Amino acid sequence: MATELKPHISFIDKSFKDSQIRTYQLAIQLDLYGLDFIVFNPEKNKFIALESYKFDEGTKIEELSLMFDKILNHHQWFAYPFGKVFFLCQNNFYTLIPSPLFEAKEKSLYLGFNQPFQENSRIVYENLKNTGAVNIFYITNPVVEKVKDFWPNAKLNHIAGAFIESLSLNYKNRLSGNEMFINVRNGSFDLAFFKNNKLFYGNSFTYRTKEDFIYFLLSAVEHLALNPEDINLIITGKIDKGSPEYEMIYQYIKTNTFITKNDNFLYSYLMDNFAHHYFYVLFNVFQCEL
């Protein structure tokens, strides 16, 4: 594991002032491949910082909490007390339960029905108010302890929950019924499909090759009794037109578009030419009532 960690993407607006951290909001997403964070100024309704870090191949779960200290070497303000902090866990160890059926005391039973037990982890749940569901997920204890050590007020959320909830907000009453949404992560992707403007299907898949990727995607399309020629696949996440995954999408699903940025927010001029779909969930978690 490298001793130094440097961002491969870094946008910090000239208006950013570490003396104003308490008025800013922070959103972070983390997995074995890297860490990304965004800083939002709610007074200006503006995103003023974005950085993305890639980890060495072979990084282990028990090493993740150390990455926060490495970023702190670059920015002492990273651990300052932000007004709000959202921490998005990225894994596939989650399950969705309709809100009327959920009982907090049974959370371990719900999760255990669909997911294998995860050692040295805790079970957390989040209410997806606009979706009408509860998302229950595992998150590793060392990461939680580090996050809470840096930001005691941090909210623990899940990438899939924030993805679904942001779509429920941004596309409410705007869906024709043939849209499917995909959020591509490193070696995984999340799918969401809405019917009558309500979440009908949500799932995540892990893959190793581009052939695995398209197989799982088309299997989900078939499971929903949809026609690949009729659906409009709206794409978010770490993918672009040069990606092997996009090559497979284009081959089998001709109608596809990259999601556009949310015009309800303002963005630093540094992000004018940036592919906003890359961090769609991070940009939109601030409006979710998670």
Protein backbone atom coordinates (compact mmCIF):
# COMPACT_ATOMS: atom_id res chain seq x y z
CA MET A 1 0.00 0.00 0.00
CA ALA A 2 1.40 3.38 -1.01
CA THR A 3 2.39 5.68 1.82
CA GLU A 4 1.15 8.77 -0.03
CA LEU A 5 -2.28 9.39 -1.47
CA LYS A 6 -2.92 12.12 -4.04
CA PRO A 7 -6.17 13.07 -5.78
CA HIS A 8 -6.50 12.29 -9.48
CA ILE A 9 -9.42 14.76 -9.70
CA SER A 10 -9.34 18.01 -7.71
CA PHE A 11 -11.59 21.06 -8.01
CA ILE A 12 -11.50 23.58 -5.16
CA ASP A 13 -13.24 26.87 -5.86
CA LYS A 14 -11.52 30.13 -4.92
CA SER A 15 -14.51 30.94 -2.70
CA PHE A 16 -13.72 27.96 -0.44
CA LYS A 17 -12.57 29.10 3.01
CA ASP A 18 -11.61 26.64 5.72
CA SER A 19 -12.70 29.21 8.31
CA GLN A 20 -16.27 28.71 7.02
CA ILE A 21 -16.32 24.90 7.27
CA ARG A 22 -19.09 24.90 9.87
CA THR A 23 -21.44 26.42 7.30
CA TYR A 24 -20.52 23.87 4.59
CA GLN A 25 -21.80 20.36 3.98
CA LEU A 26 -19.70 17.33 3.07
CA ALA A 27 -20.57 14.12 1.23
CA ILE A 28 -18.15 11.17 0.97
CA GLN A 29 -18.31 7.82 -0.82
CA LEU A 30 -15.84 5.04 -0.15
CA ASP A 31 -15.06 1.55 -1.42
CA LEU A 32 -11.99 -0.66 -1.90
CA TYR A 33 -11.07 1.23 -5.05
CA GLY A 34 -11.13 4.81 -3.84
CA LEU A 35 -12.66 7.72 -1.96
CA ASP A 36 -14.54 10.69 -3.38
CA PHE A 37 -15.85 13.76 -1.59
CA ILE A 38 -17.84 16.88 -2.44
CA VAL A 39 -18.24 20.11 -0.46
CA PHE A 40 -21.49 22.07 -0.74
CA ASN A 41 -22.15 25.64 0.40
CA PRO A 42 -25.89 25.73 1.27
CA GLU A 43 -25.88 29.51 1.72
CA LYS A 44 -24.90 29.91 -1.92
CA ASN A 45 -26.61 26.66 -3.03
CA LYS A 46 -23.29 25.89 -4.69
CA PHE A 47 -20.81 23.03 -4.95
CA ILE A 48 -17.38 24.45 -4.19
CA ALA A 49 -15.05 21.42 -3.95
CA LEU A 50 -14.69 17.94 -5.41
CA GLU A 51 -11.82 15.47 -5.04
CA SER A 52 -11.40 11.85 -6.04
CA TYR A 53 -8.69 9.45 -4.84
CA LYS A 54 -7.77 6.06 -6.26
CA PHE A 55 -6.40 3.33 -3.99
CA ASP A 56 -3.74 0.77 -4.87
CA GLU A 57 -4.99 -2.49 -6.31
CA GLY A 58 -5.36 -5.05 -3.56
CA THR A 59 -6.40 -2.57 -0.85
CA LYS A 60 -8.08 -4.50 1.97
CA ILE A 61 -11.17 -3.63 3.98
CA GLU A 62 -9.14 -3.26 7.17
CA GLU A 63 -6.98 -0.60 5.47
CA LEU A 64 -9.87 1.67 4.47
CA SER A 65 -10.02 3.65 7.71
CA LEU A 66 -6.34 4.62 7.21
CA MET A 67 -7.20 6.46 4.00
CA PHE A 68 -8.93 9.25 5.90
CA ASP A 69 -5.64 10.08 7.65
CA LYS A 70 -3.82 10.12 4.32
CA ILE A 71 -6.26 12.69 2.93
CA LEU A 72 -5.81 14.69 6.12
CA ASN A 73 -2.12 15.01 5.15
CA HIS A 74 -3.27 17.07 2.14
CA HIS A 75 -6.11 19.00 3.75
CA GLN A 76 -6.13 19.61 7.49
CA TRP A 77 -9.64 21.02 7.10
CA PHE A 78 -10.91 17.64 5.90
CA ALA A 79 -11.64 16.61 9.49
CA TYR A 80 -13.07 19.96 10.57
CA PRO A 81 -16.68 20.04 11.90
CA PHE A 82 -18.84 20.52 8.80
CA GLY A 83 -22.46 21.59 9.26
CA LYS A 84 -23.67 18.28 7.79
CA VAL A 85 -21.80 15.17 6.73
CA PHE A 86 -23.15 12.32 4.60
CA PHE A 87 -21.06 9.17 4.44
CA LEU A 88 -22.09 6.80 1.63
CA CYS A 89 -21.10 3.18 2.10
CA GLN A 90 -20.49 1.36 -1.19
CA ASN A 91 -21.13 -2.38 -1.04
CA ASN A 92 -23.84 -4.82 -2.14
CA PHE A 93 -24.75 -5.99 1.37
CA TYR A 94 -28.14 -4.33 1.66
CA THR A 95 -31.83 -5.09 1.33
CA LEU A 96 -34.93 -2.96 0.76
CA ILE A 97 -38.09 -3.37 2.84
CA PRO A 98 -41.40 -1.52 2.25
CA SER A 99 -41.79 1.04 5.03
CA PRO A 100 -45.15 -0.29 6.34
CA LEU A 101 -43.57 -3.73 6.88
CA PHE A 102 -40.40 -2.56 8.62
CA GLU A 103 -39.75 -3.03 12.34
CA ALA A 104 -36.39 -1.79 13.60
CA LYS A 105 -35.98 -4.66 16.09
CA GLU A 106 -36.11 -7.13 13.18
CA LYS A 107 -33.46 -5.43 11.05
CA SER A 108 -30.93 -8.27 11.42
CA LEU A 109 -33.53 -10.81 10.28
CA TYR A 110 -34.42 -8.79 7.18
CA LEU A 111 -30.78 -8.38 6.20
CA GLY A 112 -29.86 -11.97 7.04
CA PHE A 113 -32.57 -13.27 4.74
CA ASN A 114 -30.84 -11.78 1.68
CA GLN A 115 -27.21 -11.19 2.69
CA PRO A 116 -24.42 -13.28 4.29
CA PHE A 117 -23.23 -12.30 7.75
CA GLN A 118 -20.39 -9.76 7.68
CA GLU A 119 -17.79 -9.94 10.45
CA ASN A 120 -16.69 -6.82 12.32
CA SER A 121 -19.61 -4.89 10.85
CA ARG A 122 -22.76 -3.27 12.13
CA ILE A 123 -26.26 -3.11 10.72
CA VAL A 124 -27.57 0.34 9.83
CA TYR A 125 -30.82 1.39 8.20
CA GLU A 126 -32.02 4.51 6.41
CA ASN A 127 -35.54 5.69 5.59
CA LEU A 128 -36.15 6.37 1.91
CA LYS A 129 -39.07 8.71 2.48
CA ASN A 130 -39.84 9.51 -1.14
CA THR A 131 -39.49 5.87 -2.16
CA GLY A 132 -41.59 4.48 0.69
CA ALA A 133 -38.94 1.97 1.69
CA VAL A 134 -36.27 1.29 4.29
CA ASN A 135 -32.76 0.30 3.24
CA ILE A 136 -30.89 -1.98 5.69
CA PHE A 137 -27.17 -2.53 5.17
CA TYR A 138 -23.86 -3.67 6.65
CA ILE A 139 -21.01 -1.23 7.21
CA THR A 140 -17.60 -2.16 8.62
CA ASN A 141 -16.91 -1.06 12.19
CA PRO A 142 -13.39 0.41 11.66
CA VAL A 143 -14.73 2.72 8.95
CA VAL A 144 -17.69 3.80 11.11
CA GLU A 145 -15.39 4.49 14.05
CA LYS A 146 -13.05 6.60 11.90
CA VAL A 147 -15.93 8.54 10.32
CA LYS A 148 -17.48 9.24 13.72
CA ASP A 149 -14.08 10.20 15.13
CA PHE A 150 -13.69 12.83 12.38
CA TRP A 151 -17.34 13.91 12.22
CA PRO A 152 -19.55 12.89 15.17
CA ASN A 153 -22.58 14.31 13.33
CA ALA A 154 -22.04 12.17 10.21
CA LYS A 155 -25.06 10.36 8.77
CA LEU A 156 -24.34 6.81 7.65
CA ASN A 157 -26.00 6.10 4.33
CA HIS A 158 -25.72 3.64 1.46
CA ILE A 159 -24.94 4.37 -2.18
CA ALA A 160 -27.93 2.35 -3.42
CA GLY A 161 -30.35 4.12 -1.09
CA ALA A 162 -29.11 7.57 -2.09
CA PHE A 163 -29.21 6.58 -5.77
CA ILE A 164 -32.83 5.43 -5.59
CA GLU A 165 -33.99 8.30 -3.41
CA SER A 166 -32.40 10.95 -5.63
CA LEU A 167 -34.11 9.46 -8.69
CA SER A 168 -37.44 9.39 -6.85
CA LEU A 169 -37.04 13.13 -6.28
CA ASN A 170 -35.54 14.24 -9.57
CA TYR A 171 -37.75 12.18 -11.88
CA LYS A 172 -41.06 12.34 -10.02
CA ASN A 173 -43.91 12.59 -12.53
CA ARG A 174 -41.40 12.75 -15.39
CA LEU A 175 -41.21 9.06 -16.30
CA SER A 176 -42.84 7.49 -19.35
CA GLY A 177 -42.40 3.94 -18.05
CA ASN A 178 -39.57 2.75 -20.29
CA GLU A 179 -36.65 4.32 -18.38
CA MET A 180 -34.18 2.13 -16.52
CA PHE A 181 -31.43 3.72 -14.43
CA ILE A 182 -27.94 2.32 -13.91
CA ASN A 183 -25.22 3.57 -11.55
CA VAL A 184 -21.85 2.06 -12.48
CA ARG A 185 -19.32 1.65 -9.71
CA ASN A 186 -15.94 -0.10 -9.61
CA GLY A 187 -16.76 -3.73 -10.34
CA SER A 188 -20.43 -3.27 -9.39
CA PHE A 189 -23.53 -1.51 -10.61
CA ASP A 190 -26.91 -0.52 -9.22
CA LEU A 191 -30.18 -0.73 -11.16
CA ALA A 192 -33.49 1.02 -10.57
CA PHE A 193 -36.76 0.77 -12.48
CA PHE A 194 -39.91 2.75 -11.71
CA LYS A 195 -43.46 1.82 -12.59
CA ASN A 196 -46.31 4.34 -12.23
CA ASN A 197 -43.70 6.70 -10.72
CA LYS A 198 -42.96 4.26 -7.88
CA LEU A 199 -39.89 2.10 -7.38
CA PHE A 200 -40.68 -1.29 -8.91
CA TYR A 201 -37.21 -2.84 -8.98
CA GLY A 202 -33.91 -2.09 -7.29
CA ASN A 203 -30.85 -4.33 -7.21
CA SER A 204 -27.05 -4.35 -7.38
CA PHE A 205 -24.65 -6.69 -9.16
CA THR A 206 -20.94 -7.47 -8.91
CA TYR A 207 -19.03 -8.26 -12.10
CA ARG A 208 -15.47 -8.89 -13.27
CA THR A 209 -15.63 -8.67 -17.06
CA LYS A 210 -17.62 -6.59 -19.53
CA GLU A 211 -19.37 -9.81 -20.56
CA ASP A 212 -20.48 -10.35 -16.94
CA PHE A 213 -21.67 -6.76 -16.87
CA ILE A 214 -23.96 -7.02 -19.89
CA TYR A 215 -25.18 -10.48 -18.89
CA PHE A 216 -26.45 -9.22 -15.51
CA LEU A 217 -27.91 -6.09 -17.07
CA LEU A 218 -29.80 -7.96 -19.78
CA SER A 219 -30.94 -10.61 -17.28
CA ALA A 220 -32.54 -7.85 -15.20
CA VAL A 221 -34.21 -6.42 -18.31
CA GLU A 222 -35.57 -9.88 -19.17
CA HIS A 223 -36.70 -10.46 -15.58
CA LEU A 224 -38.78 -7.29 -15.80
CA ALA A 225 -40.28 -8.47 -19.10
CA LEU A 226 -38.84 -5.43 -20.88
CA ASN A 227 -37.49 -5.22 -24.41
CA PRO A 228 -33.88 -3.94 -24.74
CA GLU A 229 -34.94 -2.20 -27.96
CA ASP A 230 -37.68 -0.25 -26.19
CA ILE A 231 -36.06 0.88 -22.94
CA ASN A 232 -34.14 4.10 -22.41
CA LEU A 233 -31.15 3.35 -20.20
CA ILE A 234 -30.13 6.42 -18.21
CA ILE A 235 -26.51 6.09 -17.11
CA THR A 236 -24.73 7.44 -14.03
CA GLY A 237 -21.49 6.61 -12.29
CA LYS A 238 -17.93 5.82 -13.28
CA ILE A 239 -18.41 5.14 -16.97
CA ASP A 240 -17.95 7.08 -20.19
CA LYS A 241 -18.18 6.37 -23.90
CA GLY A 242 -14.68 4.94 -23.88
CA SER A 243 -15.45 2.37 -21.17
CA PRO A 244 -15.76 -1.36 -21.99
CA GLU A 245 -19.08 -1.34 -20.12
CA TYR A 246 -20.46 1.36 -22.38
CA GLU A 247 -19.29 -0.57 -25.42
CA MET A 248 -21.52 -3.46 -24.30
CA ILE A 249 -24.44 -1.17 -23.47
CA TYR A 250 -24.28 0.44 -26.91
CA GLN A 251 -24.20 -2.95 -28.59
CA TYR A 252 -27.39 -4.20 -26.93
CA ILE A 253 -29.34 -1.13 -25.78
CA LYS A 254 -29.35 1.52 -28.48
CA THR A 255 -31.39 4.10 -26.59
CA ASN A 256 -29.14 5.26 -23.77
CA THR A 257 -28.22 8.62 -22.30
CA PHE A 258 -25.93 9.93 -19.59
CA ILE A 259 -27.84 11.60 -16.80
CA THR A 260 -27.68 15.39 -16.80
CA LYS A 261 -26.64 17.58 -13.88
CA ASN A 262 -29.25 18.84 -11.44
CA ASP A 263 -29.96 22.47 -12.38
CA ASN A 264 -31.47 23.13 -8.94
CA PHE A 265 -27.88 23.58 -7.75
CA LEU A 266 -25.05 25.91 -8.72
CA TYR A 267 -21.57 24.60 -9.46
CA SER A 268 -18.08 26.08 -9.31
CA TYR A 269 -16.87 27.29 -12.70
CA LEU A 270 -14.09 24.70 -12.34
CA MET A 271 -16.74 22.01 -12.92
CA ASP A 272 -18.15 23.57 -16.10
CA ASN A 273 -16.62 20.96 -18.41
CA PHE A 274 -16.75 18.09 -15.95
CA ALA A 275 -18.82 14.93 -16.58
CA HIS A 276 -21.33 15.40 -13.78
CA HIS A 277 -22.85 11.94 -14.23
CA TYR A 278 -19.61 10.53 -12.81
CA PHE A 279 -20.58 11.60 -9.28
CA TYR A 280 -24.34 11.94 -9.70
CA VAL A 281 -25.20 10.35 -6.35
CA LEU A 282 -22.74 12.51 -4.41
CA PHE A 283 -24.06 15.68 -6.05
CA ASN A 284 -27.66 14.76 -5.26
CA VAL A 285 -27.50 13.27 -1.77
CA PHE A 286 -27.79 16.78 -0.27
CA GLN A 287 -31.43 17.05 -1.31
CA CYS A 288 -32.38 13.60 0.01
CA GLU A 289 -33.97 13.41 3.45
CA LEU A 290 -31.96 10.35 4.48
